[in-house]
Amino acid sequence: MNQLIPAFLLSSSVASLAFWRGSLSKSGVAGALLVGTLTFGFGGWFWGLLLGIFFISSSLLSHFKETEKRVAAEKFEKGHRRDFGQALANGGTGALIALLNVLLPSPAWFFMFTGAMATVTADTWATELGTLSESPPRLITTGEVVEVGTSGGVSPLGTAVSTIAGLIIGLAAGLLSKKSIWKLGIIGALSGLAGSLFDSLLGATVQQIFYCDTCQKDTERKLHKCGTETRQIRGYAWLNNDMVNLLASLAGGVVAVLLWLLLRGKKK
């Protein structure tokens, strides 16, 4: 609890810088401040650093080759300026885990947090870099070739990048916590990949998707960039991209705990 004030001050500084850099909207600043304060305040500094690795790397990648990614971005519900919903979708699970770690102490929470951070990092990296793949993405459910940016589309580059992103989070978790680096590296890589693929699976099946009759393209947007009001063609109304990200991070966290139990069992 004594860490909440310095956590708030540090989160305020980071969120303000991100707003100035154009990575956060005004509501995104509030979301980042909430997530950062809870994660740093209840989880501790190395939990906060894992969140920081995700946030900083993702913000930098969102500005990488923006022109080349512009066509794919037209399908996305939101742009690279994260709002309150996106901040909670990507960091909300981690913040909740940090709080639960204080209320119901258990070593499992740290691994779940690592898996959640590995997932959101893996998914964001896959989105930001996978859209630059020379190979067209394929729908995760059928293997059908789809347009770049299509929900549920995966590519070799995106899959490789998501694995690397999860590995980096896992290795950082091991280094910062002074736990087994190789074990956390494996957990981060596999849980991040699993969570990212689960995100794609939801995107290909039950995520809310709309269709623009003017452009004759599917999109996550209720109002397409051309100004046309779109119509829903599939998915649940409550399951937008933010909710998909939140559920994926939770799934990645659960996978991380299962891997931890498996590796711990083998050690015995």
C-alpha atoms as a PDB file:
ATOM      1  CA  MET A   1       0.000   0.000   0.000  1.00  0.00           C
ATOM      2  CA  ASN A   2       2.924   2.341   0.708  1.00  0.00           C
ATOM      3  CA  GLN A   3       3.915   1.992  -2.953  1.00  0.00           C
ATOM      4  CA  LEU A   4       0.678   3.460  -4.302  1.00  0.00           C
ATOM      5  CA  ILE A   5       1.775   7.116  -4.105  1.00  0.00           C
ATOM      6  CA  PRO A   6       5.123   6.646  -5.893  1.00  0.00           C
ATOM      7  CA  ALA A   7       3.342   4.292  -8.321  1.00  0.00           C
ATOM      8  CA  PHE A   8       0.823   7.024  -9.089  1.00  0.00           C
ATOM      9  CA  LEU A   9       3.545   9.618  -9.624  1.00  0.00           C
ATOM     10  CA  LEU A  10       5.590   7.337 -11.876  1.00  0.00           C
ATOM     11  CA  SER A  11       2.530   6.281 -13.864  1.00  0.00           C
ATOM     12  CA  SER A  12       1.529   9.927 -14.259  1.00  0.00           C
ATOM     13  CA  SER A  13       4.930  10.753 -15.737  1.00  0.00           C
ATOM     14  CA  VAL A  14       4.843   7.833 -18.186  1.00  0.00           C
ATOM     15  CA  ALA A  15       1.234   8.499 -19.218  1.00  0.00           C
ATOM     16  CA  SER A  16       1.935  12.201 -19.749  1.00  0.00           C
ATOM     17  CA  LEU A  17       4.932  11.404 -21.939  1.00  0.00           C
ATOM     18  CA  ALA A  18       2.864   8.895 -23.924  1.00  0.00           C
ATOM     19  CA  PHE A  19       0.122  11.495 -24.427  1.00  0.00           C
ATOM     20  CA  TRP A  20       2.687  14.002 -25.651  1.00  0.00           C
ATOM     21  CA  ARG A  21       4.080  11.391 -28.046  1.00  0.00           C
ATOM     22  CA  GLY A  22       0.611  10.686 -29.398  1.00  0.00           C
ATOM     23  CA  SER A  23       0.414   7.124 -28.066  1.00  0.00           C
ATOM     24  CA  LEU A  24      -2.478   7.811 -25.694  1.00  0.00           C
ATOM     25  CA  SER A  25      -5.705   9.777 -25.987  1.00  0.00           C
ATOM     26  CA  LYS A  26      -7.001  11.787 -23.009  1.00  0.00           C
ATOM     27  CA  SER A  27      -9.117   8.859 -21.838  1.00  0.00           C
ATOM     28  CA  GLY A  28      -6.144   6.584 -22.489  1.00  0.00           C
ATOM     29  CA  VAL A  29      -4.096   8.614 -20.018  1.00  0.00           C
ATOM     30  CA  ALA A  30      -6.712   7.891 -17.342  1.00  0.00           C
ATOM     31  CA  GLY A  31      -6.692   4.189 -18.217  1.00  0.00           C
ATOM     32  CA  ALA A  32      -2.903   3.950 -18.218  1.00  0.00           C
ATOM     33  CA  LEU A  33      -2.765   5.830 -14.921  1.00  0.00           C
ATOM     34  CA  LEU A  34      -5.218   3.397 -13.327  1.00  0.00           C
ATOM     35  CA  VAL A  35      -3.501   0.284 -14.682  1.00  0.00           C
ATOM     36  CA  GLY A  36      -0.007   1.537 -13.933  1.00  0.00           C
ATOM     37  CA  THR A  37      -0.802   2.632 -10.383  1.00  0.00           C
ATOM     38  CA  LEU A  38      -2.432  -0.680  -9.474  1.00  0.00           C
ATOM     39  CA  THR A  39       0.265  -2.788 -11.114  1.00  0.00           C
ATOM     40  CA  PHE A  40       3.214  -0.870  -9.662  1.00  0.00           C
ATOM     41  CA  GLY A  41       1.488  -0.240  -6.348  1.00  0.00           C
ATOM     42  CA  PHE A  42       0.325  -3.786  -5.587  1.00  0.00           C
ATOM     43  CA  GLY A  43       2.669  -5.883  -7.704  1.00  0.00           C
ATOM     44  CA  GLY A  44       5.940  -4.150  -7.036  1.00  0.00           C
ATOM     45  CA  TRP A  45       8.577  -2.574  -9.222  1.00  0.00           C
ATOM     46  CA  PHE A  46       9.444  -5.595 -11.366  1.00  0.00           C
ATOM     47  CA  TRP A  47       5.763  -6.235 -12.113  1.00  0.00           C
ATOM     48  CA  GLY A  48       5.587  -2.603 -13.161  1.00  0.00           C
ATOM     49  CA  LEU A  49       8.671  -2.979 -15.340  1.00  0.00           C
ATOM     50  CA  LEU A  50       7.075  -5.862 -17.239  1.00  0.00           C
ATOM     51  CA  LEU A  51       4.075  -3.627 -17.878  1.00  0.00           C
ATOM     52  CA  GLY A  52       6.502  -0.902 -18.930  1.00  0.00           C
ATOM     53  CA  ILE A  53       8.247  -3.201 -21.423  1.00  0.00           C
ATOM     54  CA  PHE A  54       4.899  -3.971 -23.016  1.00  0.00           C
ATOM     55  CA  PHE A  55       3.744  -0.376 -23.115  1.00  0.00           C
ATOM     56  CA  ILE A  56       6.959   1.214 -24.373  1.00  0.00           C
ATOM     57  CA  SER A  57       7.683  -1.428 -27.013  1.00  0.00           C
ATOM     58  CA  SER A  58       4.092  -1.405 -28.250  1.00  0.00           C
ATOM     59  CA  SER A  59       3.993   2.385 -28.436  1.00  0.00           C
ATOM     60  CA  LEU A  60       7.212   2.475 -30.445  1.00  0.00           C
ATOM     61  CA  LEU A  61       6.026  -0.228 -32.833  1.00  0.00           C
ATOM     62  CA  SER A  62       2.697   1.537 -33.394  1.00  0.00           C
ATOM     63  CA  HIS A  63       4.650   4.376 -35.045  1.00  0.00           C
ATOM     64  CA  PHE A  64       6.896   2.021 -37.040  1.00  0.00           C
ATOM     65  CA  LYS A  65       6.170   2.188 -40.795  1.00  0.00           C
ATOM     66  CA  GLU A  66       2.774   3.802 -40.212  1.00  0.00           C
ATOM     67  CA  THR A  67       2.303   4.525 -43.907  1.00  0.00           C
ATOM     68  CA  GLU A  68       2.748   0.880 -44.923  1.00  0.00           C
ATOM     69  CA  LYS A  69       0.255  -0.206 -42.252  1.00  0.00           C
ATOM     70  CA  ARG A  70      -2.389   2.370 -43.140  1.00  0.00           C
ATOM     71  CA  VAL A  71      -4.505   0.038 -45.305  1.00  0.00           C
ATOM     72  CA  ALA A  72      -4.613  -2.653 -42.620  1.00  0.00           C
ATOM     73  CA  ALA A  73      -5.427  -0.045 -39.966  1.00  0.00           C
ATOM     74  CA  GLU A  74      -8.662   0.816 -41.803  1.00  0.00           C
ATOM     75  CA  LYS A  75     -10.082  -2.510 -40.624  1.00  0.00           C
ATOM     76  CA  PHE A  76      -9.188  -1.940 -36.983  1.00  0.00           C
ATOM     77  CA  GLU A  77     -11.750  -0.527 -34.589  1.00  0.00           C
ATOM     78  CA  LYS A  78      -9.310   2.014 -33.178  1.00  0.00           C
ATOM     79  CA  GLY A  79      -6.068   3.726 -34.140  1.00  0.00           C
ATOM     80  CA  HIS A  80      -2.663   3.703 -32.482  1.00  0.00           C
ATOM     81  CA  ARG A  81      -3.713   6.341 -29.913  1.00  0.00           C
ATOM     82  CA  ARG A  82      -4.896   4.028 -27.147  1.00  0.00           C
ATOM     83  CA  ASP A  83      -8.039   5.075 -25.288  1.00  0.00           C
ATOM     84  CA  PHE A  84      -9.398   4.062 -21.878  1.00  0.00           C
ATOM     85  CA  GLY A  85     -10.891   0.825 -23.191  1.00  0.00           C
ATOM     86  CA  GLN A  86      -7.652  -0.252 -24.850  1.00  0.00           C
ATOM     87  CA  ALA A  87      -5.638   0.532 -21.731  1.00  0.00           C
ATOM     88  CA  LEU A  88      -7.916  -1.677 -19.632  1.00  0.00           C
ATOM     89  CA  ALA A  89      -8.066  -4.366 -22.311  1.00  0.00           C
ATOM     90  CA  ASN A  90      -4.285  -4.682 -22.397  1.00  0.00           C
ATOM     91  CA  GLY A  91      -3.409  -3.954 -18.782  1.00  0.00           C
ATOM     92  CA  GLY A  92      -6.598  -4.617 -16.847  1.00  0.00           C
ATOM     93  CA  THR A  93      -5.985  -8.323 -16.320  1.00  0.00           C
ATOM     94  CA  GLY A  94      -2.481  -7.640 -15.050  1.00  0.00           C
ATOM     95  CA  ALA A  95      -3.700  -4.933 -12.678  1.00  0.00           C
ATOM     96  CA  LEU A  96      -6.385  -7.262 -11.298  1.00  0.00           C
ATOM     97  CA  ILE A  97      -3.814 -10.023 -10.798  1.00  0.00           C
ATOM     98  CA  ALA A  98      -1.564  -7.596  -8.907  1.00  0.00           C
ATOM     99  CA  LEU A  99      -4.468  -6.738  -6.593  1.00  0.00           C
ATOM    100  CA  LEU A 100      -5.354 -10.411  -6.067  1.00  0.00           C
ATOM    101  CA  ASN A 101      -1.721 -11.124  -5.236  1.00  0.00           C
ATOM    102  CA  VAL A 102      -2.090  -8.820  -2.237  1.00  0.00           C
ATOM    103  CA  LEU A 103      -5.513 -10.071  -1.166  1.00  0.00           C
ATOM    104  CA  LEU A 104      -4.808 -13.790  -1.708  1.00  0.00           C
ATOM    105  CA  PRO A 105      -1.012 -14.239  -1.768  1.00  0.00           C
ATOM    106  CA  SER A 106       0.238 -17.087  -3.951  1.00  0.00           C
ATOM    107  CA  PRO A 107       3.304 -17.625  -6.170  1.00  0.00           C
ATOM    108  CA  ALA A 108       0.905 -18.567  -8.983  1.00  0.00           C
ATOM    109  CA  TRP A 109      -0.147 -14.944  -9.442  1.00  0.00           C
ATOM    110  CA  PHE A 110       3.306 -13.902 -10.636  1.00  0.00           C
ATOM    111  CA  PHE A 111       3.279 -16.542 -13.366  1.00  0.00           C
ATOM    112  CA  MET A 112      -0.254 -15.594 -14.350  1.00  0.00           C
ATOM    113  CA  PHE A 113       0.796 -11.964 -14.563  1.00  0.00           C
ATOM    114  CA  THR A 114       3.783 -12.930 -16.719  1.00  0.00           C
ATOM    115  CA  GLY A 115       1.503 -14.879 -19.054  1.00  0.00           C
ATOM    116  CA  ALA A 116      -0.946 -11.993 -19.324  1.00  0.00           C
ATOM    117  CA  MET A 117       1.839  -9.520 -20.135  1.00  0.00           C
ATOM    118  CA  ALA A 118       3.409 -11.983 -22.577  1.00  0.00           C
ATOM    119  CA  THR A 119       0.062 -12.295 -24.349  1.00  0.00           C
ATOM    120  CA  VAL A 120      -0.700  -8.596 -24.772  1.00  0.00           C
ATOM    121  CA  THR A 121       2.882  -7.966 -25.892  1.00  0.00           C
ATOM    122  CA  ALA A 122       2.808 -10.914 -28.305  1.00  0.00           C
ATOM    123  CA  ASP A 123      -0.548  -9.895 -29.738  1.00  0.00           C
ATOM    124  CA  THR A 124       0.417  -6.250 -30.189  1.00  0.00           C
ATOM    125  CA  TRP A 125       3.761  -7.085 -31.780  1.00  0.00           C
ATOM    126  CA  ALA A 126       2.071  -9.573 -34.104  1.00  0.00           C
ATOM    127  CA  THR A 127      -0.425  -6.911 -35.149  1.00  0.00           C
ATOM    128  CA  GLU A 128       2.121  -4.136 -35.635  1.00  0.00           C
ATOM    129  CA  LEU A 129       4.736  -6.228 -37.462  1.00  0.00           C
ATOM    130  CA  GLY A 130       2.660  -9.079 -38.853  1.00  0.00           C
ATOM    131  CA  THR A 131       0.745  -6.649 -41.077  1.00  0.00           C
ATOM    132  CA  LEU A 132       4.064  -5.962 -42.844  1.00  0.00           C
ATOM    133  CA  SER A 133       4.462  -9.608 -43.818  1.00  0.00           C
ATOM    134  CA  GLU A 134       5.071 -10.274 -47.520  1.00  0.00           C
ATOM    135  CA  SER A 135       3.062 -13.481 -47.175  1.00  0.00           C
ATOM    136  CA  PRO A 136      -0.721 -12.895 -47.094  1.00  0.00           C
ATOM    137  CA  PRO A 137      -2.399 -13.787 -43.785  1.00  0.00           C
ATOM    138  CA  ARG A 138      -4.616 -16.843 -43.552  1.00  0.00           C
ATOM    139  CA  LEU A 139      -7.681 -17.306 -41.401  1.00  0.00           C
ATOM    140  CA  ILE A 140      -6.706 -19.325 -38.338  1.00  0.00           C
ATOM    141  CA  THR A 141      -9.835 -21.492 -38.580  1.00  0.00           C
ATOM    142  CA  THR A 142      -9.849 -22.460 -42.263  1.00  0.00           C
ATOM    143  CA  GLY A 143      -6.495 -21.439 -43.722  1.00  0.00           C
ATOM    144  CA  GLU A 144      -8.263 -19.223 -46.249  1.00  0.00           C
ATOM    145  CA  VAL A 145      -6.187 -16.308 -47.561  1.00  0.00           C
ATOM    146  CA  VAL A 146      -7.627 -13.020 -46.264  1.00  0.00           C
ATOM    147  CA  GLU A 147      -6.827  -9.324 -46.518  1.00  0.00           C
ATOM    148  CA  VAL A 148      -4.181  -7.844 -44.251  1.00  0.00           C
ATOM    149  CA  GLY A 149      -5.760  -6.655 -41.005  1.00  0.00           C
ATOM    150  CA  THR A 150      -8.646  -9.148 -41.102  1.00  0.00           C
ATOM    151  CA  SER A 151      -9.665 -10.316 -37.627  1.00  0.00           C
ATOM    152  CA  GLY A 152      -8.483 -13.891 -37.150  1.00  0.00           C
ATOM    153  CA  GLY A 153      -5.822 -13.693 -39.841  1.00  0.00           C
ATOM    154  CA  VAL A 154      -2.365 -15.045 -38.995  1.00  0.00           C
ATOM    155  CA  SER A 155       0.942 -15.079 -40.846  1.00  0.00           C
ATOM    156  CA  PRO A 156       4.313 -16.811 -40.327  1.00  0.00           C
ATOM    157  CA  LEU A 157       5.911 -13.455 -39.505  1.00  0.00           C
ATOM    158  CA  GLY A 158       3.199 -12.520 -37.016  1.00  0.00           C
ATOM    159  CA  THR A 159       3.406 -15.914 -35.320  1.00  0.00           C
ATOM    160  CA  ALA A 160       7.189 -15.746 -35.064  1.00  0.00           C
ATOM    161  CA  VAL A 161       7.086 -12.192 -33.732  1.00  0.00           C
ATOM    162  CA  SER A 162       4.481 -13.074 -31.101  1.00  0.00           C
ATOM    163  CA  THR A 163       6.647 -15.954 -29.877  1.00  0.00           C
ATOM    164  CA  ILE A 164       9.691 -13.697 -29.625  1.00  0.00           C
ATOM    165  CA  ALA A 165       7.702 -11.023 -27.783  1.00  0.00           C
ATOM    166  CA  GLY A 166       6.464 -13.552 -25.234  1.00  0.00           C
ATOM    167  CA  LEU A 167       9.991 -14.917 -24.839  1.00  0.00           C
ATOM    168  CA  ILE A 168      11.338 -11.433 -24.088  1.00  0.00           C
ATOM    169  CA  ILE A 169       8.684 -10.861 -21.428  1.00  0.00           C
ATOM    170  CA  GLY A 170       9.444 -14.256 -19.898  1.00  0.00           C
ATOM    171  CA  LEU A 171      13.191 -13.697 -19.846  1.00  0.00           C
ATOM    172  CA  ALA A 172      12.689 -10.243 -18.329  1.00  0.00           C
ATOM    173  CA  ALA A 173      10.409 -11.749 -15.674  1.00  0.00           C
ATOM    174  CA  GLY A 174      13.052 -14.317 -14.768  1.00  0.00           C
ATOM    175  CA  LEU A 175      15.838 -11.742 -14.677  1.00  0.00           C
ATOM    176  CA  LEU A 176      13.906  -9.194 -12.613  1.00  0.00           C
ATOM    177  CA  SER A 177      12.419 -11.668 -10.141  1.00  0.00           C
ATOM    178  CA  LYS A 178      15.621 -13.740  -9.867  1.00  0.00           C
ATOM    179  CA  LYS A 179      13.648 -16.874 -10.644  1.00  0.00           C
ATOM    180  CA  SER A 180      14.619 -19.480 -13.246  1.00  0.00           C
ATOM    181  CA  ILE A 181      15.262 -17.495 -16.412  1.00  0.00           C
ATOM    182  CA  TRP A 182      15.005 -20.443 -18.796  1.00  0.00           C
ATOM    183  CA  LYS A 183      11.766 -21.631 -17.206  1.00  0.00           C
ATOM    184  CA  LEU A 184      10.138 -18.217 -17.386  1.00  0.00           C
ATOM    185  CA  GLY A 185      11.459 -17.773 -20.920  1.00  0.00           C
ATOM    186  CA  ILE A 186       9.629 -20.937 -21.977  1.00  0.00           C
ATOM    187  CA  ILE A 187       6.500 -19.931 -20.061  1.00  0.00           C
ATOM    188  CA  GLY A 188       6.520 -16.448 -21.576  1.00  0.00           C
ATOM    189  CA  ALA A 189       7.047 -17.669 -25.139  1.00  0.00           C
ATOM    190  CA  LEU A 190       4.409 -20.416 -25.027  1.00  0.00           C
ATOM    191  CA  SER A 191       1.779 -18.541 -23.029  1.00  0.00           C
ATOM    192  CA  GLY A 192       2.233 -15.420 -25.156  1.00  0.00           C
ATOM    193  CA  LEU A 193       1.855 -17.447 -28.343  1.00  0.00           C
ATOM    194  CA  ALA A 194      -1.152 -19.342 -26.961  1.00  0.00           C
ATOM    195  CA  GLY A 195      -2.871 -16.149 -25.839  1.00  0.00           C
ATOM    196  CA  SER A 196      -2.177 -14.445 -29.150  1.00  0.00           C
ATOM    197  CA  LEU A 197      -3.566 -17.394 -31.133  1.00  0.00           C
ATOM    198  CA  PHE A 198      -6.619 -17.473 -28.860  1.00  0.00           C
ATOM    199  CA  ASP A 199      -7.118 -13.801 -29.692  1.00  0.00           C
ATOM    200  CA  SER A 200      -7.022 -14.691 -33.394  1.00  0.00           C
ATOM    201  CA  LEU A 201      -9.431 -17.581 -32.857  1.00  0.00           C
ATOM    202  CA  LEU A 202     -11.961 -15.286 -31.183  1.00  0.00           C
ATOM    203  CA  GLY A 203     -11.433 -12.753 -33.952  1.00  0.00           C
ATOM    204  CA  ALA A 204     -12.205 -15.349 -36.608  1.00  0.00           C
ATOM    205  CA  THR A 205     -15.288 -16.765 -34.940  1.00  0.00           C
ATOM    206  CA  VAL A 206     -17.226 -14.763 -32.358  1.00  0.00           C
ATOM    207  CA  GLN A 207     -15.799 -11.213 -32.370  1.00  0.00           C
ATOM    208  CA  GLN A 208     -18.230  -8.532 -33.521  1.00  0.00           C
ATOM    209  CA  ILE A 209     -17.508  -7.711 -37.184  1.00  0.00           C
ATOM    210  CA  PHE A 210     -19.219  -5.169 -39.438  1.00  0.00           C
ATOM    211  CA  TYR A 211     -19.492  -4.677 -43.209  1.00  0.00           C
ATOM    212  CA  CYS A 212     -19.249  -1.498 -45.241  1.00  0.00           C
ATOM    213  CA  ASP A 213     -21.622  -1.699 -48.221  1.00  0.00           C
ATOM    214  CA  THR A 214     -19.963   1.289 -49.879  1.00  0.00           C
ATOM    215  CA  CYS A 215     -16.414  -0.096 -49.826  1.00  0.00           C
ATOM    216  CA  GLN A 216     -17.594  -3.735 -49.746  1.00  0.00           C
ATOM    217  CA  LYS A 217     -15.165  -4.573 -46.981  1.00  0.00           C
ATOM    218  CA  ASP A 218     -15.482  -6.047 -43.516  1.00  0.00           C
ATOM    219  CA  THR A 219     -14.253  -3.997 -40.580  1.00  0.00           C
ATOM    220  CA  GLU A 220     -14.282  -3.714 -36.804  1.00  0.00           C
ATOM    221  CA  ARG A 221     -15.676  -0.186 -37.084  1.00  0.00           C
ATOM    222  CA  LYS A 222     -19.324   0.785 -36.652  1.00  0.00           C
ATOM    223  CA  LEU A 223     -18.622   3.811 -38.822  1.00  0.00           C
ATOM    224  CA  HIS A 224     -16.221   3.106 -41.673  1.00  0.00           C
ATOM    225  CA  LYS A 225     -13.503   5.574 -42.632  1.00  0.00           C
ATOM    226  CA  CYS A 226     -15.422   6.437 -45.791  1.00  0.00           C
ATOM    227  CA  GLY A 227     -18.241   7.756 -43.590  1.00  0.00           C
ATOM    228  CA  THR A 228     -20.640   4.892 -44.205  1.00  0.00           C
ATOM    229  CA  GLU A 229     -22.480   3.414 -41.225  1.00  0.00           C
ATOM    230  CA  THR A 230     -21.656  -0.281 -41.281  1.00  0.00           C
ATOM    231  CA  ARG A 231     -23.868  -3.266 -40.470  1.00  0.00           C
ATOM    232  CA  GLN A 232     -22.999  -6.174 -38.222  1.00  0.00           C
ATOM    233  CA  ILE A 233     -22.476  -9.421 -40.126  1.00  0.00           C
ATOM    234  CA  ARG A 234     -21.307 -11.755 -37.364  1.00  0.00           C
ATOM    235  CA  GLY A 235     -20.195 -12.103 -33.770  1.00  0.00           C
ATOM    236  CA  TYR A 236     -21.601 -11.005 -30.422  1.00  0.00           C
ATOM    237  CA  ALA A 237     -22.441  -7.352 -29.886  1.00  0.00           C
ATOM    238  CA  TRP A 238     -20.554  -7.248 -26.568  1.00  0.00           C
ATOM    239  CA  LEU A 239     -17.409  -8.909 -27.937  1.00  0.00           C
ATOM    240  CA  ASN A 240     -15.472  -6.067 -29.542  1.00  0.00           C
ATOM    241  CA  ASN A 241     -11.714  -5.972 -30.020  1.00  0.00           C
ATOM    242  CA  ASP A 242     -11.054  -4.632 -26.514  1.00  0.00           C
ATOM    243  CA  MET A 243     -12.992  -7.491 -24.941  1.00  0.00           C
ATOM    244  CA  VAL A 244     -11.165  -9.998 -27.144  1.00  0.00           C
ATOM    245  CA  ASN A 245      -7.822  -8.619 -25.960  1.00  0.00           C
ATOM    246  CA  LEU A 246      -8.937  -8.824 -22.339  1.00  0.00           C
ATOM    247  CA  LEU A 247     -10.078 -12.450 -22.664  1.00  0.00           C
ATOM    248  CA  ALA A 248      -6.910 -13.383 -24.536  1.00  0.00           C
ATOM    249  CA  SER A 249      -4.705 -11.931 -21.790  1.00  0.00           C
ATOM    250  CA  LEU A 250      -6.657 -13.928 -19.229  1.00  0.00           C
ATOM    251  CA  ALA A 251      -6.234 -17.086 -21.309  1.00  0.00           C
ATOM    252  CA  GLY A 252      -2.500 -16.460 -21.638  1.00  0.00           C
ATOM    253  CA  GLY A 253      -2.258 -16.032 -17.879  1.00  0.00           C
ATOM    254  CA  VAL A 254      -4.019 -19.348 -17.260  1.00  0.00           C
ATOM    255  CA  VAL A 255      -1.721 -21.120 -19.743  1.00  0.00           C
ATOM    256  CA  ALA A 256       1.295 -19.671 -17.934  1.00  0.00           C
ATOM    257  CA  VAL A 257       0.095 -21.053 -14.594  1.00  0.00           C
ATOM    258  CA  LEU A 258      -0.497 -24.492 -16.143  1.00  0.00           C
ATOM    259  CA  LEU A 259       2.995 -24.461 -17.652  1.00  0.00           C
ATOM    260  CA  TRP A 260       4.471 -23.430 -14.306  1.00  0.00           C
ATOM    261  CA  LEU A 261       2.710 -26.339 -12.575  1.00  0.00           C
ATOM    262  CA  LEU A 262       3.900 -28.715 -15.304  1.00  0.00           C
ATOM    263  CA  LEU A 263       7.519 -27.593 -15.117  1.00  0.00           C
ATOM    264  CA  ARG A 264       7.429 -27.596 -11.325  1.00  0.00           C
ATOM    265  CA  GLY A 265       6.086 -31.141 -11.371  1.00  0.00           C
ATOM    266  CA  LYS A 266       8.876 -32.280 -13.666  1.00  0.00           C
ATOM    267  CA  LYS A 267      11.448 -30.746 -11.344  1.00  0.00           C
ATOM    268  CA  LYS A 268      10.143 -32.917  -8.550  1.00  0.00           C
END
